N, C-alpha and C. Protein backbone atom coordinates (compact mmCIF):
# COMPACT_ATOMS: atom_id res chain seq x y z
N MET A 1 -53.07 -26.01 -33.11
CA MET A 1 -53.57 -27.54 -32.88
C MET A 1 -53.97 -27.75 -34.35
N ARG A 2 -55.44 -26.91 -35.13
CA ARG A 2 -55.66 -27.50 -35.87
C ARG A 2 -54.90 -26.96 -37.63
N ALA A 3 -54.35 -26.51 -37.27
CA ALA A 3 -53.49 -26.19 -38.71
C ALA A 3 -52.17 -27.20 -38.57
N ALA A 4 -51.94 -27.82 -37.27
CA ALA A 4 -51.29 -29.26 -37.42
C ALA A 4 -51.73 -30.37 -37.59
N ARG A 5 -53.03 -30.61 -37.39
CA ARG A 5 -53.84 -31.85 -38.24
C ARG A 5 -54.05 -31.00 -39.34
N ARG A 6 -54.41 -29.98 -40.06
CA ARG A 6 -54.19 -30.08 -41.48
C ARG A 6 -53.07 -30.31 -42.21
N ILE A 7 -51.93 -30.19 -41.92
CA ILE A 7 -50.75 -30.14 -42.06
C ILE A 7 -50.62 -31.57 -42.47
N LEU A 8 -50.34 -31.96 -41.41
CA LEU A 8 -50.50 -33.82 -40.70
C LEU A 8 -51.11 -34.73 -41.90
N ALA A 9 -52.49 -34.19 -42.19
CA ALA A 9 -53.73 -34.99 -43.38
C ALA A 9 -52.74 -34.03 -44.99
N ALA A 10 -52.57 -33.13 -44.68
CA ALA A 10 -51.81 -33.13 -46.00
C ALA A 10 -50.82 -33.96 -46.52
N LEU A 11 -49.54 -34.03 -45.64
CA LEU A 11 -48.89 -35.23 -45.42
C LEU A 11 -49.16 -36.82 -46.05
N LEU A 12 -50.39 -37.11 -45.40
CA LEU A 12 -50.54 -38.31 -45.15
C LEU A 12 -51.55 -38.41 -46.41
N PHE A 13 -52.22 -37.80 -46.73
CA PHE A 13 -52.42 -37.54 -48.71
C PHE A 13 -51.68 -38.09 -49.90
N ALA A 14 -50.06 -36.60 -49.26
CA ALA A 14 -49.44 -36.87 -50.07
C ALA A 14 -48.45 -38.30 -50.03
N LYS A 15 -48.62 -38.66 -49.09
CA LYS A 15 -48.07 -40.02 -48.72
C LYS A 15 -49.15 -41.27 -49.81
N THR A 16 -50.00 -41.15 -49.34
CA THR A 16 -51.18 -42.36 -50.67
C THR A 16 -50.91 -41.82 -52.24
N ILE A 17 -50.65 -40.53 -52.49
CA ILE A 17 -50.21 -40.42 -53.80
C ILE A 17 -48.67 -41.12 -54.04
N ILE A 18 -47.74 -41.07 -53.46
CA ILE A 18 -46.49 -41.40 -53.31
C ILE A 18 -46.63 -42.76 -53.53
N GLU A 19 -47.54 -43.65 -52.79
CA GLU A 19 -47.60 -45.24 -52.64
C GLU A 19 -48.03 -45.45 -53.75
N GLN A 20 -49.03 -44.74 -54.37
CA GLN A 20 -49.69 -45.53 -55.61
C GLN A 20 -49.22 -45.32 -56.50
N GLU A 21 -48.40 -44.30 -56.72
CA GLU A 21 -47.24 -44.10 -58.09
C GLU A 21 -45.65 -44.41 -57.86
N ARG A 22 -45.76 -45.38 -56.68
CA ARG A 22 -44.88 -46.50 -56.88
C ARG A 22 -43.32 -45.32 -56.47
N TYR A 23 -43.63 -43.70 -55.79
CA TYR A 23 -42.44 -43.13 -56.02
C TYR A 23 -41.86 -42.64 -56.81
N THR A 24 -42.77 -42.38 -57.88
CA THR A 24 -42.29 -41.78 -59.25
C THR A 24 -42.57 -40.41 -59.48
N GLY A 25 -42.93 -39.60 -58.20
CA GLY A 25 -43.96 -38.28 -58.10
C GLY A 25 -42.36 -37.26 -58.25
N THR A 26 -42.56 -36.27 -57.94
CA THR A 26 -41.23 -35.02 -57.58
C THR A 26 -40.51 -35.03 -56.15
N ALA A 27 -39.81 -34.44 -56.21
CA ALA A 27 -38.60 -34.41 -55.31
C ALA A 27 -39.35 -33.37 -53.83
N THR A 28 -41.07 -32.61 -54.10
CA THR A 28 -41.45 -31.86 -53.36
C THR A 28 -42.16 -33.08 -52.29
N LEU A 29 -42.66 -34.41 -53.28
CA LEU A 29 -43.15 -35.20 -52.65
C LEU A 29 -42.59 -35.82 -52.08
N ARG A 30 -41.23 -36.34 -52.46
CA ARG A 30 -40.29 -36.89 -52.13
C ARG A 30 -40.44 -36.51 -50.43
N ALA A 31 -40.20 -35.13 -50.72
CA ALA A 31 -39.79 -34.70 -49.35
C ALA A 31 -40.20 -34.97 -48.41
N GLU A 32 -42.03 -34.28 -48.66
CA GLU A 32 -43.06 -34.92 -47.87
C GLU A 32 -43.34 -36.56 -47.58
N ARG A 33 -42.90 -37.29 -48.37
CA ARG A 33 -42.36 -38.47 -47.60
C ARG A 33 -41.79 -38.72 -46.83
N SER A 34 -40.31 -37.81 -46.58
CA SER A 34 -39.23 -38.50 -45.62
C SER A 34 -40.14 -37.77 -44.33
N VAL A 35 -40.70 -36.67 -44.75
CA VAL A 35 -41.23 -36.20 -43.25
C VAL A 35 -42.08 -37.16 -42.27
N LEU A 36 -43.31 -37.83 -43.18
CA LEU A 36 -43.49 -38.93 -42.79
C LEU A 36 -43.31 -40.13 -42.31
N ASP A 37 -42.16 -40.34 -42.80
CA ASP A 37 -41.46 -41.78 -42.56
C ASP A 37 -40.80 -41.11 -41.34
N GLU A 38 -40.10 -40.15 -41.36
CA GLU A 38 -39.29 -39.93 -40.04
C GLU A 38 -40.52 -40.11 -38.55
N HIS A 39 -41.88 -39.17 -39.33
CA HIS A 39 -42.73 -39.42 -38.37
C HIS A 39 -42.87 -40.65 -37.58
N PHE A 40 -43.53 -41.33 -38.41
CA PHE A 40 -43.48 -42.81 -38.16
C PHE A 40 -42.33 -43.06 -37.21
N MET A 41 -41.10 -42.92 -37.70
CA MET A 41 -39.81 -43.66 -37.73
C MET A 41 -39.99 -43.44 -35.96
N ARG A 42 -40.23 -42.23 -35.60
CA ARG A 42 -40.09 -41.91 -34.30
C ARG A 42 -40.92 -42.57 -33.07
N ILE A 43 -41.99 -43.14 -33.86
CA ILE A 43 -42.98 -43.71 -32.67
C ILE A 43 -42.52 -45.13 -32.95
N ALA A 44 -41.28 -45.58 -33.93
CA ALA A 44 -40.90 -47.42 -33.85
C ALA A 44 -39.45 -46.64 -32.90
N LEU A 45 -38.92 -45.68 -32.54
CA LEU A 45 -37.86 -45.37 -31.80
C LEU A 45 -38.67 -45.49 -30.85
N GLN A 46 -39.62 -44.66 -30.00
CA GLN A 46 -40.31 -44.87 -28.89
C GLN A 46 -40.60 -46.37 -28.48
N GLU A 47 -41.10 -47.23 -29.36
CA GLU A 47 -41.50 -48.45 -28.96
C GLU A 47 -40.52 -49.26 -28.66
N ALA A 48 -39.17 -49.04 -28.97
CA ALA A 48 -37.90 -49.74 -29.32
C ALA A 48 -37.28 -49.33 -27.71
N GLU A 49 -37.44 -48.03 -27.19
CA GLU A 49 -37.65 -47.57 -25.94
C GLU A 49 -37.60 -48.49 -24.79
N GLN A 50 -39.05 -48.90 -25.02
CA GLN A 50 -40.09 -48.91 -24.09
C GLN A 50 -39.39 -50.76 -24.07
N ALA A 51 -38.73 -51.37 -25.06
CA ALA A 51 -38.18 -52.74 -24.85
C ALA A 51 -37.28 -52.61 -24.26
N ALA A 52 -36.10 -51.83 -24.40
CA ALA A 52 -35.08 -51.58 -23.70
C ALA A 52 -35.59 -51.82 -22.17
N ALA A 53 -36.00 -50.73 -21.78
CA ALA A 53 -37.03 -50.71 -19.95
C ALA A 53 -37.01 -52.14 -19.94
N ARG A 54 -37.69 -52.86 -21.03
CA ARG A 54 -37.92 -54.44 -20.16
C ARG A 54 -36.99 -55.29 -20.56
N ASN A 55 -35.78 -54.76 -20.99
CA ASN A 55 -34.57 -55.58 -21.17
C ASN A 55 -34.61 -56.58 -22.17
N ASP A 56 -35.53 -55.99 -23.36
CA ASP A 56 -35.37 -56.96 -24.92
C ASP A 56 -34.46 -56.11 -25.42
N VAL A 57 -33.84 -56.47 -26.75
CA VAL A 57 -33.49 -55.87 -27.55
C VAL A 57 -34.45 -54.76 -28.12
N PRO A 58 -33.45 -53.42 -28.11
CA PRO A 58 -34.64 -52.41 -28.54
C PRO A 58 -34.91 -52.13 -30.12
N ILE A 59 -35.72 -52.68 -30.31
CA ILE A 59 -36.54 -52.68 -31.69
C ILE A 59 -38.02 -52.78 -31.43
N GLY A 60 -38.53 -51.25 -32.28
CA GLY A 60 -39.51 -50.95 -32.25
C GLY A 60 -40.28 -51.10 -33.57
N ALA A 61 -41.58 -51.14 -33.75
CA ALA A 61 -42.17 -51.29 -35.51
C ALA A 61 -43.56 -50.30 -35.29
N VAL A 62 -44.01 -50.06 -36.00
CA VAL A 62 -45.12 -49.08 -36.77
C VAL A 62 -45.68 -49.81 -37.93
N LEU A 63 -47.14 -50.12 -37.66
CA LEU A 63 -47.66 -50.67 -39.30
C LEU A 63 -48.88 -49.59 -39.28
N VAL A 64 -48.50 -49.19 -40.71
CA VAL A 64 -49.60 -48.00 -41.17
C VAL A 64 -50.21 -48.40 -42.46
N GLN A 65 -51.95 -48.24 -42.08
CA GLN A 65 -52.22 -48.33 -43.29
C GLN A 65 -53.16 -47.07 -43.68
N GLY A 66 -53.05 -46.14 -44.90
CA GLY A 66 -53.60 -45.27 -45.20
C GLY A 66 -53.88 -44.52 -44.30
N GLY A 67 -52.55 -43.59 -43.97
CA GLY A 67 -52.29 -42.88 -42.70
C GLY A 67 -52.93 -42.46 -41.57
N LYS A 68 -53.37 -44.14 -41.21
CA LYS A 68 -53.82 -44.86 -39.98
C LYS A 68 -52.86 -45.70 -39.37
N VAL A 69 -52.44 -45.47 -38.02
CA VAL A 69 -51.62 -46.45 -37.70
C VAL A 69 -52.41 -47.39 -36.96
N LEU A 70 -52.31 -48.79 -37.43
CA LEU A 70 -53.00 -50.08 -36.82
C LEU A 70 -52.37 -50.92 -35.96
N ALA A 71 -50.76 -50.98 -35.20
CA ALA A 71 -50.33 -51.45 -34.82
C ALA A 71 -49.12 -50.63 -34.24
N THR A 72 -48.48 -50.53 -32.77
CA THR A 72 -47.43 -50.36 -32.55
C THR A 72 -46.74 -51.39 -31.60
N ARG A 73 -45.34 -51.76 -31.45
CA ARG A 73 -44.75 -52.60 -31.13
C ARG A 73 -43.38 -52.24 -30.68
N GLY A 74 -42.94 -53.41 -29.59
CA GLY A 74 -41.56 -53.27 -29.31
C GLY A 74 -41.07 -54.94 -29.37
N ASN A 75 -40.02 -55.76 -29.58
CA ASN A 75 -39.58 -56.70 -29.18
C ASN A 75 -40.30 -56.93 -27.81
N GLU A 76 -40.50 -58.18 -27.56
CA GLU A 76 -41.44 -59.00 -26.21
C GLU A 76 -40.66 -60.08 -26.67
N ARG A 77 -39.67 -60.59 -26.77
CA ARG A 77 -38.98 -61.89 -26.37
C ARG A 77 -39.02 -62.13 -24.90
N GLU A 78 -38.21 -61.54 -24.70
CA GLU A 78 -37.61 -61.70 -23.18
C GLU A 78 -39.13 -61.92 -22.15
N LEU A 79 -39.76 -60.90 -22.33
CA LEU A 79 -41.09 -60.28 -21.80
C LEU A 79 -42.12 -62.05 -21.99
N ARG A 80 -42.29 -62.14 -23.12
CA ARG A 80 -43.19 -63.38 -23.68
C ARG A 80 -42.46 -64.85 -23.36
N ARG A 81 -41.24 -64.71 -23.22
CA ARG A 81 -40.21 -65.86 -23.17
C ARG A 81 -41.26 -66.78 -24.68
N ASP A 82 -40.73 -65.64 -25.48
CA ASP A 82 -40.91 -66.54 -27.18
C ASP A 82 -39.94 -65.99 -27.80
N PRO A 83 -39.29 -66.71 -28.60
CA PRO A 83 -38.50 -66.46 -29.88
C PRO A 83 -39.34 -65.63 -31.23
N THR A 84 -40.19 -65.70 -30.98
CA THR A 84 -41.09 -64.97 -32.52
C THR A 84 -41.47 -63.81 -31.99
N ALA A 85 -41.57 -63.11 -31.27
CA ALA A 85 -42.22 -62.40 -30.37
C ALA A 85 -41.38 -60.97 -30.73
N HIS A 86 -41.09 -61.11 -31.87
CA HIS A 86 -40.71 -59.89 -32.52
C HIS A 86 -41.03 -58.73 -33.15
N ALA A 87 -41.31 -57.87 -32.90
CA ALA A 87 -42.24 -56.09 -32.80
C ALA A 87 -42.41 -56.39 -33.98
N GLU A 88 -42.17 -56.57 -35.29
CA GLU A 88 -42.49 -56.72 -36.25
C GLU A 88 -43.84 -57.92 -36.27
N MET A 89 -43.57 -59.04 -36.14
CA MET A 89 -44.62 -60.05 -35.87
C MET A 89 -45.69 -59.94 -35.29
N LEU A 90 -45.17 -59.21 -33.92
CA LEU A 90 -46.40 -58.36 -33.32
C LEU A 90 -47.34 -57.68 -34.07
N VAL A 91 -46.88 -56.85 -34.95
CA VAL A 91 -47.31 -55.98 -35.59
C VAL A 91 -48.48 -56.29 -36.32
N ILE A 92 -47.62 -57.41 -37.48
CA ILE A 92 -48.62 -57.68 -38.17
C ILE A 92 -49.53 -58.79 -37.38
N ARG A 93 -49.48 -59.50 -36.46
CA ARG A 93 -50.53 -60.23 -35.95
C ARG A 93 -51.22 -59.59 -35.01
N GLU A 94 -51.40 -58.33 -34.45
CA GLU A 94 -52.13 -56.98 -33.55
C GLU A 94 -53.31 -56.53 -35.25
N ALA A 95 -52.36 -55.84 -36.09
CA ALA A 95 -53.11 -55.67 -37.38
C ALA A 95 -54.05 -56.57 -38.32
N ALA A 96 -53.43 -57.89 -38.70
CA ALA A 96 -54.29 -59.14 -38.81
C ALA A 96 -55.66 -59.15 -38.20
N THR A 97 -56.02 -59.22 -36.72
CA THR A 97 -56.70 -59.38 -35.89
C THR A 97 -57.85 -58.04 -36.43
N ALA A 98 -57.04 -57.13 -35.90
CA ALA A 98 -57.71 -56.06 -36.26
C ALA A 98 -58.54 -55.84 -37.51
N LEU A 99 -57.84 -56.09 -38.49
CA LEU A 99 -58.49 -56.16 -39.76
C LEU A 99 -59.47 -57.11 -40.20
N GLY A 100 -59.01 -58.16 -39.26
CA GLY A 100 -60.20 -60.02 -39.56
C GLY A 100 -60.18 -60.44 -40.95
N GLY A 101 -58.43 -60.40 -41.33
CA GLY A 101 -57.97 -61.40 -42.00
C GLY A 101 -56.11 -61.75 -42.11
N TRP A 102 -55.88 -62.96 -42.87
CA TRP A 102 -54.31 -62.76 -42.92
C TRP A 102 -53.99 -61.79 -43.58
N ARG A 103 -54.49 -60.60 -44.55
CA ARG A 103 -53.57 -59.84 -45.39
C ARG A 103 -53.77 -58.61 -44.69
N VAL A 104 -52.91 -57.43 -44.65
CA VAL A 104 -52.50 -56.53 -44.51
C VAL A 104 -52.33 -55.38 -45.54
N PRO A 105 -53.17 -55.43 -46.52
CA PRO A 105 -52.83 -54.56 -47.79
C PRO A 105 -52.78 -53.37 -47.73
N ASN A 106 -51.96 -52.71 -48.20
CA ASN A 106 -52.05 -51.25 -48.82
C ASN A 106 -51.60 -49.96 -47.37
N ALA A 107 -50.28 -50.99 -46.41
CA ALA A 107 -49.87 -51.13 -45.76
C ALA A 107 -48.16 -50.95 -45.77
N THR A 108 -47.70 -49.71 -44.87
CA THR A 108 -46.53 -49.69 -44.62
C THR A 108 -45.96 -50.31 -42.92
N LEU A 109 -44.60 -50.64 -42.48
CA LEU A 109 -44.30 -51.21 -41.96
C LEU A 109 -42.95 -50.44 -41.75
N TYR A 110 -42.98 -49.91 -40.71
CA TYR A 110 -41.99 -48.99 -39.72
C TYR A 110 -41.29 -49.65 -39.04
N VAL A 111 -39.51 -49.98 -38.77
CA VAL A 111 -38.64 -50.66 -38.46
C VAL A 111 -37.47 -50.73 -37.66
N THR A 112 -37.35 -50.09 -36.84
CA THR A 112 -35.98 -49.52 -36.64
C THR A 112 -34.69 -50.26 -36.95
N LEU A 113 -35.09 -51.71 -37.12
CA LEU A 113 -33.62 -52.42 -37.62
C LEU A 113 -34.27 -53.38 -38.68
N GLU A 114 -33.19 -53.43 -39.47
CA GLU A 114 -33.55 -54.49 -40.91
C GLU A 114 -34.46 -55.40 -40.61
N PRO A 115 -35.55 -56.42 -41.43
CA PRO A 115 -35.76 -57.42 -40.58
C PRO A 115 -35.20 -59.03 -40.38
N CYS A 116 -35.33 -59.33 -40.20
CA CYS A 116 -34.70 -60.70 -39.96
C CYS A 116 -35.57 -61.88 -40.88
N PRO A 117 -34.94 -63.10 -41.49
CA PRO A 117 -35.68 -64.25 -42.39
C PRO A 117 -37.19 -64.33 -42.11
N MET A 118 -36.96 -64.57 -40.62
CA MET A 118 -38.81 -64.95 -40.16
C MET A 118 -39.54 -63.75 -40.47
N CYS A 119 -38.94 -62.11 -40.04
CA CYS A 119 -39.99 -61.23 -40.20
C CYS A 119 -40.37 -61.28 -41.83
N ALA A 120 -39.27 -60.88 -42.06
CA ALA A 120 -39.40 -60.38 -43.71
C ALA A 120 -40.11 -61.51 -44.66
N GLY A 121 -40.19 -62.82 -44.51
CA GLY A 121 -41.11 -63.75 -44.54
C GLY A 121 -42.51 -63.44 -43.94
N ALA A 122 -42.95 -62.95 -42.82
CA ALA A 122 -44.27 -62.67 -42.79
C ALA A 122 -44.62 -61.64 -43.27
N LEU A 123 -43.34 -60.52 -43.92
CA LEU A 123 -44.28 -59.35 -44.43
C LEU A 123 -44.75 -59.64 -45.80
N VAL A 124 -43.51 -61.01 -46.59
CA VAL A 124 -44.36 -61.26 -47.88
C VAL A 124 -45.65 -62.09 -47.54
N LEU A 125 -46.05 -62.74 -47.02
CA LEU A 125 -47.16 -63.47 -46.38
C LEU A 125 -47.84 -62.39 -45.96
N ALA A 126 -48.11 -61.96 -45.32
CA ALA A 126 -49.22 -60.66 -44.96
C ALA A 126 -49.84 -59.37 -46.07
N ARG A 127 -48.70 -59.78 -47.12
CA ARG A 127 -49.04 -58.65 -48.36
C ARG A 127 -48.75 -57.45 -47.96
N ILE A 128 -48.43 -57.03 -47.25
CA ILE A 128 -47.39 -55.76 -46.65
C ILE A 128 -46.90 -55.15 -47.75
N ASN A 129 -46.97 -53.70 -48.56
CA ASN A 129 -46.71 -52.92 -49.67
C ASN A 129 -45.26 -52.35 -49.24
N HIS A 130 -45.01 -51.99 -48.23
CA HIS A 130 -43.77 -50.89 -48.12
C HIS A 130 -42.96 -51.38 -46.37
N LEU A 131 -41.87 -51.56 -46.82
CA LEU A 131 -41.45 -51.49 -45.62
C LEU A 131 -40.34 -50.24 -45.46
N VAL A 132 -40.17 -50.06 -44.43
CA VAL A 132 -39.55 -48.14 -43.90
C VAL A 132 -38.57 -49.01 -42.79
N TYR A 133 -37.00 -48.86 -42.78
CA TYR A 133 -36.28 -49.56 -41.85
C TYR A 133 -34.88 -48.72 -41.62
N GLY A 134 -34.82 -48.43 -40.29
CA GLY A 134 -33.65 -47.24 -39.72
C GLY A 134 -32.19 -47.53 -39.94
N THR A 135 -31.91 -48.89 -39.81
CA THR A 135 -30.56 -49.37 -39.50
C THR A 135 -30.69 -50.59 -40.32
N PRO A 136 -29.62 -50.70 -41.10
CA PRO A 136 -29.20 -52.66 -41.62
C PRO A 136 -28.97 -53.27 -40.68
N ASP A 137 -29.29 -54.69 -40.73
CA ASP A 137 -28.38 -55.39 -39.89
C ASP A 137 -27.22 -56.63 -40.71
N PRO A 138 -26.42 -56.26 -40.86
CA PRO A 138 -25.12 -56.82 -41.11
C PRO A 138 -25.27 -58.46 -41.06
N LYS A 139 -25.74 -59.13 -40.14
CA LYS A 139 -25.88 -60.44 -39.67
C LYS A 139 -26.95 -61.43 -39.88
N SER A 140 -28.10 -60.59 -40.07
CA SER A 140 -29.13 -61.12 -40.42
C SER A 140 -30.52 -60.32 -40.90
N GLY A 141 -29.82 -59.29 -42.05
CA GLY A 141 -30.81 -58.81 -42.79
C GLY A 141 -31.46 -59.23 -43.84
N ALA A 142 -32.69 -59.21 -43.81
CA ALA A 142 -33.37 -60.20 -44.91
C ALA A 142 -34.39 -58.96 -46.06
N ALA A 143 -34.02 -57.99 -45.93
CA ALA A 143 -34.09 -56.48 -47.06
C ALA A 143 -33.16 -55.99 -47.27
N GLY A 144 -32.17 -57.14 -47.89
CA GLY A 144 -31.35 -56.63 -48.58
C GLY A 144 -29.55 -57.00 -48.00
N SER A 145 -29.51 -56.84 -46.81
CA SER A 145 -28.10 -56.75 -46.37
C SER A 145 -27.49 -57.82 -46.59
N VAL A 146 -28.18 -59.09 -46.22
CA VAL A 146 -27.64 -60.70 -46.15
C VAL A 146 -28.28 -61.30 -47.34
N VAL A 147 -29.70 -61.64 -47.02
CA VAL A 147 -30.62 -62.25 -48.50
C VAL A 147 -31.49 -60.71 -48.51
N ASP A 148 -32.27 -60.63 -49.69
CA ASP A 148 -33.24 -60.30 -50.16
C ASP A 148 -34.55 -61.17 -49.98
N LEU A 149 -35.20 -61.18 -48.94
CA LEU A 149 -36.25 -61.94 -49.01
C LEU A 149 -37.66 -60.98 -49.58
N VAL A 150 -37.81 -59.92 -49.00
CA VAL A 150 -38.96 -58.92 -49.31
C VAL A 150 -39.51 -58.53 -50.39
N ARG A 151 -38.50 -58.93 -51.93
CA ARG A 151 -37.67 -58.47 -53.28
C ARG A 151 -37.22 -59.46 -53.73
N HIS A 152 -37.46 -61.00 -53.29
CA HIS A 152 -37.10 -62.11 -54.27
C HIS A 152 -38.10 -62.57 -55.66
N PRO A 153 -36.97 -62.59 -56.84
CA PRO A 153 -37.92 -63.28 -57.98
C PRO A 153 -39.05 -64.20 -57.39
N ALA A 154 -38.48 -64.86 -57.04
CA ALA A 154 -39.39 -66.63 -56.22
C ALA A 154 -40.19 -66.11 -56.20
N LEU A 155 -40.45 -65.44 -54.99
CA LEU A 155 -41.83 -65.04 -54.22
C LEU A 155 -42.84 -64.07 -55.15
N ASN A 156 -44.23 -64.23 -54.55
CA ASN A 156 -45.61 -63.99 -55.05
C ASN A 156 -45.83 -62.92 -54.91
N HIS A 157 -44.73 -62.04 -53.92
CA HIS A 157 -45.19 -60.86 -53.47
C HIS A 157 -43.61 -60.67 -53.55
N ARG A 158 -43.63 -58.68 -54.00
CA ARG A 158 -42.55 -58.06 -53.37
C ARG A 158 -43.08 -57.05 -52.99
N LEU A 159 -41.77 -56.51 -52.07
CA LEU A 159 -42.25 -55.00 -51.07
C LEU A 159 -41.65 -53.85 -51.51
N LEU A 160 -41.74 -52.74 -51.62
CA LEU A 160 -40.81 -51.62 -51.71
C LEU A 160 -40.16 -51.33 -50.39
N VAL A 161 -38.95 -50.82 -50.56
CA VAL A 161 -38.24 -51.04 -49.29
C VAL A 161 -37.16 -49.61 -49.19
N THR A 162 -37.87 -48.99 -48.26
CA THR A 162 -36.94 -47.84 -48.17
C THR A 162 -36.13 -48.02 -47.04
N HIS A 163 -34.96 -47.33 -47.18
CA HIS A 163 -34.19 -47.76 -45.66
C HIS A 163 -33.18 -46.58 -45.32
N GLY A 164 -32.74 -46.39 -44.29
CA GLY A 164 -32.07 -45.08 -43.63
C GLY A 164 -32.83 -43.88 -42.91
N ILE A 165 -34.12 -43.95 -42.59
CA ILE A 165 -34.39 -43.24 -42.15
C ILE A 165 -34.09 -43.32 -40.77
N LEU A 166 -33.40 -42.69 -40.01
CA LEU A 166 -33.24 -42.09 -38.63
C LEU A 166 -32.34 -43.09 -38.48
N ALA A 167 -31.72 -43.40 -38.98
CA ALA A 167 -30.41 -44.41 -39.03
C ALA A 167 -29.78 -44.40 -38.20
N ALA A 168 -29.39 -43.00 -37.56
CA ALA A 168 -28.31 -42.88 -36.63
C ALA A 168 -28.82 -43.32 -35.44
N GLU A 169 -29.93 -42.52 -35.30
CA GLU A 169 -30.79 -42.61 -34.03
C GLU A 169 -30.79 -44.39 -33.78
N CYS A 170 -31.41 -44.96 -35.03
CA CYS A 170 -31.89 -46.28 -34.77
C CYS A 170 -30.71 -47.71 -34.22
N SER A 171 -29.62 -47.06 -35.03
CA SER A 171 -28.42 -47.42 -34.40
C SER A 171 -27.74 -47.14 -33.43
N GLU A 172 -27.82 -46.01 -32.68
CA GLU A 172 -27.43 -45.67 -31.63
C GLU A 172 -28.14 -46.42 -30.47
N ILE A 173 -29.41 -46.56 -30.46
CA ILE A 173 -30.01 -47.20 -29.07
C ILE A 173 -29.49 -48.69 -29.12
N LEU A 174 -29.55 -49.32 -30.30
CA LEU A 174 -28.90 -50.45 -30.01
C LEU A 174 -27.26 -50.81 -29.49
N GLN A 175 -26.77 -49.55 -30.43
CA GLN A 175 -25.38 -49.68 -29.55
C GLN A 175 -25.17 -49.48 -28.08
N ARG A 176 -26.33 -48.52 -27.80
CA ARG A 176 -26.25 -48.59 -26.16
C ARG A 176 -27.14 -49.28 -25.11
N PHE A 177 -27.46 -49.94 -25.98
CA PHE A 177 -28.32 -51.45 -25.01
C PHE A 177 -27.20 -52.63 -24.73
N PHE A 178 -26.53 -52.75 -25.95
CA PHE A 178 -25.91 -53.70 -25.86
C PHE A 178 -24.41 -53.37 -25.17
N THR A 179 -24.13 -52.50 -25.50
CA THR A 179 -22.92 -51.39 -24.40
C THR A 179 -23.26 -51.90 -22.88
N SER A 180 -24.59 -51.37 -22.31
CA SER A 180 -24.69 -51.20 -21.13
C SER A 180 -24.37 -53.24 -20.80
N ARG A 181 -25.38 -53.54 -21.85
CA ARG A 181 -24.81 -55.65 -21.10
C ARG A 181 -23.77 -56.20 -20.99
N ARG A 182 -22.95 -55.38 -21.46
CA ARG A 182 -21.52 -56.00 -21.50
C ARG A 182 -20.65 -55.58 -20.27
């Protein structure tokens, strides 16, 4: 158990270095980043599974700052009867409350599906540094698929974007959910 904690601590340290260097490090650091990205995306997938169990669209999100998980949530639109209760919005709200302000600096958001325009705008407004998403959204994706709000040159903040982390698993949970509803 201690060895696993040491490995995780080393990986978290490597991730911090990578974020500071804007991902210009060595191939070894990129591989360690990928391990961390997969770890946090698996947590997001667990949140997506819980959302599906509540009959919400299975999208999960995890917000991480300095290697520490600030918030995890799945979609709760059906549960709350709130059109804005997307997983991304919920973790941003929870993290901002925990941090005592509206900014969530030096943070990475992991989400199973590319954010919509509402969520992408919230990421920019919250000053989140890095977005990692699993599968693209060709109908309403706002991180490059349809529009690119998170890197738009007219906005005062831009995010680093990594996509395709556990893409097959992220896509499969959505396909399974919608197939079961037809």
